[in-house]
Amino acid sequence: LVIATRDGLAASGVALALGRELAAGGRRVVLVDLDADNAFLSLLVGQGVAGLSDFAAGAAGFGDIIHTDTQSTCHVVPAGNLGAPTADMAAFAVEALSRGYE
């Protein structure tokens, strides 16, 4: 788990590099972007694709929000198109994803 608590920290880049390295070693990795305002990880899978906030609003199914990184076997769950996901939704997603990823 890689998080940033202040603006200016390069947490997304660190998470991406670490995730890709782990995936290259055969690990099942998912990167979850919870930063709707600065959604760097979300851009890896394209602008406007379904993400966590879309799932929270009932606009997308859980499987619809898991996308593949174009440069690795990492999966990415973007923040979504409907604002920041709630803390409860983020916790739910992380718990659900932890069952299928390392």
Protein backbone atom coordinates (compact mmCIF):
# COMPACT_ATOMS: atom_id res chain seq x y z
CA LEU A 1 0.00 0.00 0.00
CA VAL A 2 1.44 3.35 -1.08
CA ILE A 3 -0.31 6.57 -0.02
CA ALA A 4 0.39 10.29 -0.03
CA THR A 5 -0.82 12.55 2.72
CA ARG A 6 0.36 15.87 1.27
CA ASP A 7 0.36 17.50 -2.15
CA GLY A 8 3.62 17.19 -4.01
CA LEU A 9 4.50 13.68 -2.94
CA ALA A 10 5.23 11.33 -5.81
CA ALA A 11 3.13 8.48 -4.42
CA SER A 12 1.47 7.67 -7.75
CA GLY A 13 4.79 7.27 -9.52
CA VAL A 14 6.19 5.16 -6.70
CA ALA A 15 3.06 2.98 -6.64
CA LEU A 16 3.19 2.54 -10.41
CA ALA A 17 6.88 1.58 -10.48
CA LEU A 18 6.45 -0.80 -7.56
CA GLY A 19 3.30 -2.34 -9.02
CA ARG A 20 4.91 -2.93 -12.41
CA GLU A 21 8.00 -4.45 -10.80
CA LEU A 22 5.91 -6.82 -8.69
CA ALA A 23 3.79 -7.75 -11.71
CA ALA A 24 6.93 -8.48 -13.74
CA GLY A 25 7.89 -10.90 -10.97
CA GLY A 26 4.62 -12.79 -11.39
CA ARG A 27 2.55 -11.14 -8.68
CA ARG A 28 -1.13 -10.22 -9.18
CA VAL A 29 -1.20 -6.46 -8.67
CA VAL A 30 -4.00 -3.91 -8.70
CA LEU A 31 -3.48 -0.15 -8.41
CA VAL A 32 -6.48 1.76 -7.04
CA ASP A 33 -6.62 5.49 -7.73
CA LEU A 34 -8.52 7.27 -4.96
CA ASP A 35 -7.44 10.78 -5.96
CA ALA A 36 -10.20 12.12 -8.19
CA ASP A 37 -8.59 15.58 -8.30
CA ASN A 38 -5.15 14.42 -9.46
CA ALA A 39 -5.97 11.07 -11.05
CA PHE A 40 -2.54 10.17 -12.45
CA LEU A 41 -3.07 6.42 -12.23
CA SER A 42 -6.49 6.73 -13.87
CA LEU A 43 -4.87 8.23 -16.97
CA LEU A 44 -2.98 4.95 -17.52
CA VAL A 45 -6.17 3.30 -18.75
CA GLY A 46 -7.68 6.26 -20.58
CA GLN A 47 -9.78 9.27 -19.84
CA GLY A 48 -13.45 8.73 -19.07
CA VAL A 49 -13.31 4.99 -18.36
CA ALA A 50 -15.47 3.59 -15.56
CA GLY A 51 -13.94 3.68 -12.10
CA LEU A 52 -14.66 3.44 -8.42
CA SER A 53 -17.05 6.40 -8.22
CA ASP A 54 -19.02 4.99 -11.17
CA PHE A 55 -19.36 1.68 -9.31
CA ALA A 56 -20.42 3.51 -6.13
CA ALA A 57 -23.18 5.29 -8.07
CA GLY A 58 -24.41 2.06 -9.67
CA ALA A 59 -23.31 3.19 -13.14
CA ALA A 60 -20.80 0.33 -13.60
CA GLY A 61 -20.34 -3.21 -12.32
CA PHE A 62 -17.34 -4.24 -10.24
CA GLY A 63 -15.72 -6.10 -13.13
CA ASP A 64 -16.21 -3.06 -15.37
CA ILE A 65 -13.94 -0.88 -13.25
CA ILE A 66 -10.88 -3.15 -13.38
CA HIS A 67 -8.66 -2.24 -16.34
CA THR A 68 -5.23 -3.43 -17.51
CA ASP A 69 -2.15 -1.19 -17.55
CA THR A 70 -0.91 -0.90 -21.14
CA GLN A 71 2.73 -1.43 -20.14
CA SER A 72 2.43 -4.30 -17.66
CA THR A 73 0.12 -6.94 -16.30
CA CYS A 74 -0.98 -4.65 -13.45
CA HIS A 75 -4.65 -3.95 -13.17
CA VAL A 76 -5.85 -0.42 -12.49
CA VAL A 77 -9.06 0.77 -10.85
CA PRO A 78 -9.46 4.44 -11.81
CA ALA A 79 -11.04 7.01 -9.51
CA GLY A 80 -14.01 7.30 -11.87
CA ASN A 81 -16.03 10.02 -13.49
CA LEU A 82 -18.35 10.98 -10.67
CA GLY A 83 -16.06 12.63 -8.12
CA ALA A 84 -14.14 11.19 -5.22
CA PRO A 85 -15.34 7.87 -3.82
CA THR A 86 -16.42 7.87 -0.20
CA ALA A 87 -14.15 6.41 2.46
CA ASP A 88 -16.60 3.53 2.94
CA MET A 89 -16.57 2.73 -0.77
CA ALA A 90 -12.78 2.89 -0.89
CA ALA A 91 -12.55 0.50 2.07
CA PHE A 92 -15.06 -1.86 0.46
CA ALA A 93 -13.13 -1.89 -2.82
CA VAL A 94 -9.77 -2.48 -1.17
CA GLU A 95 -11.23 -5.35 0.89
CA ALA A 96 -12.87 -6.95 -2.15
CA LEU A 97 -9.76 -6.57 -4.31
CA SER A 98 -7.46 -7.95 -1.61
CA ARG A 99 -9.12 -11.34 -2.07
CA GLY A 100 -7.89 -11.67 -5.65
CA TYR A 101 -4.62 -9.75 -5.62
CA GLU A 102 -1.37 -9.95 -3.66
